[in-house]
Amino acid sequence: MQGEMNPVPGAEWRPRRHLDFHRSISSQNVRDDLLRFIAERHDGHLRLVAHLWDETFPDPIRWDGAAFHSTMEEFTDSLESNLDTRRTEPQLTSVLDREIIPRRLGHLHLSRRLQRFMIDVRLHLRRIAYTASIDVDLRMDWQRWMHRTRLLDEHLKDLFTNGIETPDGGKFGGKGFRSTWQEGVVACASALRRAMDLPPEERNRADVVAPMIRDVGLALSMGQTPLEIF
């Protein structure tokens, strides 16, 4: 009856390697950020996560990238194991052996819910790691590309709103323009291998992006010039 269900996407995902932190992060800050996320998305687990965290890390400590990676792997495994014990508790037998929703028994339902919960927890801890890996120079690069995106956006807006005269006396443009307003997309280029950063003989190894109408900033940050975008 339950063999036709698709696997939960990402259920087996784990971060492959640690990130290099710009500076170490405190366990208290990680705890606060994680509990805020749990309260937002999975408030039913808030008390358990807080209790397990305080039991695992009773004293404030600081982590670099490698220590954070290994420690959070152990913590998430412990959290998953703790929640998975629900399926063996005797007082829940009557629930586990009956359908919770059509075609899904209790033990399978809880298992899939747990998989989705752990995906969210691991992804959020990875976001914390990425935040700690960003240095000032990288933020300055993003700010510069965001300003360039805004300036190009203003030129495009003027072109498509007011139009320009063509040599034959006609007019190009003047039909309105939907502004991008998504300058933050420039940060994506920092995680990619840009052709402009590679020697000519290795540019075939560069990552390729396909910007859409609202991704002008990504095109700029990957090395395209304003003239090419026009």
Foldseek 3Di string as FASTA:
>chain_A
DQPPDDADPPLPDADPAWAFFPDWDKLVVVLVQLLVVCCVPPVVCNVVLNVLSCVVDVDMDIDGGRRLRVVVVVSLVVVLVVQLCVLVDPVCVVQQQDDPDPPDGNNRVSVRVSSVVSSVSNVSSVVVRVVRRDDPVLVVVLVVLLVVLVVLLVVVQCCQCVFDADPVGHTDHNPGDDGLPPSNLLSVCVVFFALVVDPPVCSVVGDDDDDDPNPPSVCVSSPDDSVVVD
